Amino acid sequence: MKKVVLLTIGLAFSAISMSAQSFPVKTSDLKAAASSDSQTEKIKEALMKDEDLQSKTIDYLKKDPETAKSVMDLASNSSSNSDLMKSILGDKSLTSHAIDYITKNPKLLKQALKVVGL
């Protein structure tokens, strides 16, 4: 009887210690987190804060045939990447393309979420 009680207590402690461990985040979990509206706002916030993220996103939008002309028009009126990013985020279609680009790239998504503390 004592063995059963001790075994039960041992299993309970091992279950508690396992639940306290942190497990690696899967890419699919990051994509699911980014799909919500609040996460979209966090990505927009990260785009305004992180110059590297801005640069990579702007380069992508300049090369994408669907967005290249619009971005080049906005770039001619902007003095910096930060100004250009504000203009991009002011355009619904360009914002959608930028958010899609980041959410489909796990490294950039992780970078964006890290910038805003997630």
C-alpha atoms as a PDB file:
ATOM      1  CA  MET A   1       0.000   0.000   0.000  1.00  0.00           C
ATOM      2  CA  LYS A   2       2.848   2.397   0.872  1.00  0.00           C
ATOM      3  CA  LYS A   3       4.441   1.692  -2.508  1.00  0.00           C
ATOM      4  CA  VAL A   4       1.255   2.680  -4.324  1.00  0.00           C
ATOM      5  CA  VAL A   5       0.973   5.932  -2.369  1.00  0.00           C
ATOM      6  CA  LEU A   6       4.641   6.775  -2.968  1.00  0.00           C
ATOM      7  CA  LEU A   7       4.295   5.946  -6.671  1.00  0.00           C
ATOM      8  CA  THR A   8       1.212   8.153  -6.966  1.00  0.00           C
ATOM      9  CA  ILE A   9       2.964  11.067  -5.241  1.00  0.00           C
ATOM     10  CA  GLY A  10       6.006  10.601  -7.493  1.00  0.00           C
ATOM     11  CA  LEU A  11       3.834  10.672 -10.624  1.00  0.00           C
ATOM     12  CA  ALA A  12       2.048  13.792  -9.407  1.00  0.00           C
ATOM     13  CA  PHE A  13       5.331  15.645  -8.875  1.00  0.00           C
ATOM     14  CA  SER A  14       6.687  14.567 -12.246  1.00  0.00           C
ATOM     15  CA  ALA A  15       3.506  15.781 -13.982  1.00  0.00           C
ATOM     16  CA  ILE A  16       3.802  19.155 -12.266  1.00  0.00           C
ATOM     17  CA  SER A  17       7.455  19.525 -13.222  1.00  0.00           C
ATOM     18  CA  MET A  18       6.688  18.604 -16.857  1.00  0.00           C
ATOM     19  CA  SER A  19       3.964  21.238 -17.110  1.00  0.00           C
ATOM     20  CA  ALA A  20       6.367  23.938 -15.926  1.00  0.00           C
ATOM     21  CA  GLN A  21       8.816  23.328 -18.780  1.00  0.00           C
ATOM     22  CA  SER A  22       8.750  25.560 -21.794  1.00  0.00           C
ATOM     23  CA  PHE A  23       8.529  23.846 -25.136  1.00  0.00           C
ATOM     24  CA  PRO A  24       9.784  25.253 -28.442  1.00  0.00           C
ATOM     25  CA  VAL A  25       7.329  27.356 -30.423  1.00  0.00           C
ATOM     26  CA  LYS A  26       6.223  25.809 -33.689  1.00  0.00           C
ATOM     27  CA  THR A  27       6.045  27.857 -36.882  1.00  0.00           C
ATOM     28  CA  SER A  28       2.372  26.957 -37.215  1.00  0.00           C
ATOM     29  CA  ASP A  29       1.741  28.437 -33.757  1.00  0.00           C
ATOM     30  CA  LEU A  30       3.417  31.683 -34.808  1.00  0.00           C
ATOM     31  CA  LYS A  31       1.289  31.873 -37.961  1.00  0.00           C
ATOM     32  CA  ALA A  32      -1.888  31.238 -35.973  1.00  0.00           C
ATOM     33  CA  ALA A  33      -0.953  33.950 -33.499  1.00  0.00           C
ATOM     34  CA  ALA A  34      -0.273  36.408 -36.300  1.00  0.00           C
ATOM     35  CA  SER A  35      -3.605  35.787 -37.985  1.00  0.00           C
ATOM     36  CA  SER A  36      -5.628  37.545 -35.306  1.00  0.00           C
ATOM     37  CA  ASP A  37      -6.455  41.235 -35.537  1.00  0.00           C
ATOM     38  CA  SER A  38      -4.505  42.142 -32.416  1.00  0.00           C
ATOM     39  CA  GLN A  39      -1.451  40.381 -33.809  1.00  0.00           C
ATOM     40  CA  THR A  40      -1.855  42.272 -37.069  1.00  0.00           C
ATOM     41  CA  GLU A  41      -1.705  45.481 -35.065  1.00  0.00           C
ATOM     42  CA  LYS A  42       1.410  44.203 -33.283  1.00  0.00           C
ATOM     43  CA  ILE A  43       3.061  43.471 -36.638  1.00  0.00           C
ATOM     44  CA  LYS A  44       2.214  46.987 -37.834  1.00  0.00           C
ATOM     45  CA  GLU A  45       3.751  48.345 -34.637  1.00  0.00           C
ATOM     46  CA  ALA A  46       6.886  46.271 -35.229  1.00  0.00           C
ATOM     47  CA  LEU A  47       7.105  47.563 -38.795  1.00  0.00           C
ATOM     48  CA  MET A  48       7.228  51.108 -37.464  1.00  0.00           C
ATOM     49  CA  LYS A  49       9.869  50.309 -34.832  1.00  0.00           C
ATOM     50  CA  ASP A  50      12.328  47.927 -36.534  1.00  0.00           C
ATOM     51  CA  GLU A  51      14.380  49.407 -39.380  1.00  0.00           C
ATOM     52  CA  ASP A  52      15.592  45.990 -40.567  1.00  0.00           C
ATOM     53  CA  LEU A  53      12.025  44.711 -40.775  1.00  0.00           C
ATOM     54  CA  GLN A  54      11.017  47.884 -42.618  1.00  0.00           C
ATOM     55  CA  SER A  55      13.828  47.496 -45.112  1.00  0.00           C
ATOM     56  CA  LYS A  56      13.083  43.836 -45.861  1.00  0.00           C
ATOM     57  CA  THR A  57       9.361  44.496 -46.239  1.00  0.00           C
ATOM     58  CA  ILE A  58       9.872  47.521 -48.474  1.00  0.00           C
ATOM     59  CA  ASP A  59      12.320  45.572 -50.664  1.00  0.00           C
ATOM     60  CA  TYR A  60       9.772  42.783 -51.020  1.00  0.00           C
ATOM     61  CA  LEU A  61       6.969  45.203 -51.921  1.00  0.00           C
ATOM     62  CA  LYS A  62       9.200  46.941 -54.497  1.00  0.00           C
ATOM     63  CA  LYS A  63       9.912  43.584 -56.192  1.00  0.00           C
ATOM     64  CA  ASP A  64       6.349  42.249 -56.078  1.00  0.00           C
ATOM     65  CA  PRO A  65       4.648  42.987 -59.434  1.00  0.00           C
ATOM     66  CA  GLU A  66       1.310  43.686 -57.715  1.00  0.00           C
ATOM     67  CA  THR A  67       2.712  46.371 -55.429  1.00  0.00           C
ATOM     68  CA  ALA A  68       5.853  47.693 -57.139  1.00  0.00           C
ATOM     69  CA  LYS A  69       4.258  50.669 -58.904  1.00  0.00           C
ATOM     70  CA  SER A  70       2.339  51.841 -55.832  1.00  0.00           C
ATOM     71  CA  VAL A  71       5.392  51.550 -53.594  1.00  0.00           C
ATOM     72  CA  MET A  72       7.608  53.383 -56.070  1.00  0.00           C
ATOM     73  CA  ASP A  73       5.051  56.218 -56.256  1.00  0.00           C
ATOM     74  CA  LEU A  74       4.986  56.434 -52.458  1.00  0.00           C
ATOM     75  CA  ALA A  75       8.795  56.225 -52.290  1.00  0.00           C
ATOM     76  CA  SER A  76       9.158  59.270 -54.529  1.00  0.00           C
ATOM     77  CA  ASN A  77       7.244  61.304 -51.928  1.00  0.00           C
ATOM     78  CA  SER A  78       9.016  59.870 -48.860  1.00  0.00           C
ATOM     79  CA  SER A  79      12.299  60.998 -47.378  1.00  0.00           C
ATOM     80  CA  SER A  80      13.039  57.872 -45.312  1.00  0.00           C
ATOM     81  CA  ASN A  81      12.051  54.233 -44.861  1.00  0.00           C
ATOM     82  CA  SER A  82      10.043  55.264 -41.814  1.00  0.00           C
ATOM     83  CA  ASP A  83       8.040  57.788 -43.848  1.00  0.00           C
ATOM     84  CA  LEU A  84       7.568  55.243 -46.608  1.00  0.00           C
ATOM     85  CA  MET A  85       6.372  52.625 -44.116  1.00  0.00           C
ATOM     86  CA  LYS A  86       3.811  55.084 -42.713  1.00  0.00           C
ATOM     87  CA  SER A  87       2.515  55.613 -46.246  1.00  0.00           C
ATOM     88  CA  ILE A  88       2.434  51.860 -46.927  1.00  0.00           C
ATOM     89  CA  LEU A  89       0.510  51.211 -43.714  1.00  0.00           C
ATOM     90  CA  GLY A  90      -1.916  53.930 -44.743  1.00  0.00           C
ATOM     91  CA  ASP A  91      -2.857  51.938 -47.853  1.00  0.00           C
ATOM     92  CA  LYS A  92      -5.100  48.932 -47.130  1.00  0.00           C
ATOM     93  CA  SER A  93      -3.855  46.826 -50.054  1.00  0.00           C
ATOM     94  CA  LEU A  94      -0.167  47.463 -49.386  1.00  0.00           C
ATOM     95  CA  THR A  95      -0.659  46.812 -45.676  1.00  0.00           C
ATOM     96  CA  SER A  96      -2.298  43.493 -46.500  1.00  0.00           C
ATOM     97  CA  HIS A  97       0.623  42.487 -48.724  1.00  0.00           C
ATOM     98  CA  ALA A  98       3.161  43.525 -46.080  1.00  0.00           C
ATOM     99  CA  ILE A  99       1.378  41.591 -43.309  1.00  0.00           C
ATOM    100  CA  ASP A 100       1.061  38.515 -45.545  1.00  0.00           C
ATOM    101  CA  TYR A 101       4.765  38.682 -46.378  1.00  0.00           C
ATOM    102  CA  ILE A 102       5.724  38.754 -42.707  1.00  0.00           C
ATOM    103  CA  THR A 103       3.276  36.066 -41.571  1.00  0.00           C
ATOM    104  CA  LYS A 104       4.422  33.693 -44.315  1.00  0.00           C
ATOM    105  CA  ASN A 105       8.083  34.121 -43.368  1.00  0.00           C
ATOM    106  CA  PRO A 106       8.720  32.482 -39.967  1.00  0.00           C
ATOM    107  CA  LYS A 107      11.986  34.346 -39.334  1.00  0.00           C
ATOM    108  CA  LEU A 108      10.421  37.733 -40.011  1.00  0.00           C
ATOM    109  CA  LEU A 109       7.333  36.851 -37.989  1.00  0.00           C
ATOM    110  CA  LYS A 110       9.475  35.854 -35.043  1.00  0.00           C
ATOM    111  CA  GLN A 111      11.481  39.071 -35.417  1.00  0.00           C
ATOM    112  CA  ALA A 112       8.312  41.186 -35.545  1.00  0.00           C
ATOM    113  CA  LEU A 113       6.778  39.541 -32.491  1.00  0.00           C
ATOM    114  CA  LYS A 114      10.059  39.879 -30.605  1.00  0.00           C
ATOM    115  CA  VAL A 115      10.166  43.633 -31.301  1.00  0.00           C
ATOM    116  CA  VAL A 116       6.790  44.111 -29.625  1.00  0.00           C
ATOM    117  CA  GLY A 117       7.574  41.790 -26.757  1.00  0.00           C
ATOM    118  CA  LEU A 118       5.653  38.664 -27.745  1.00  0.00           C
END
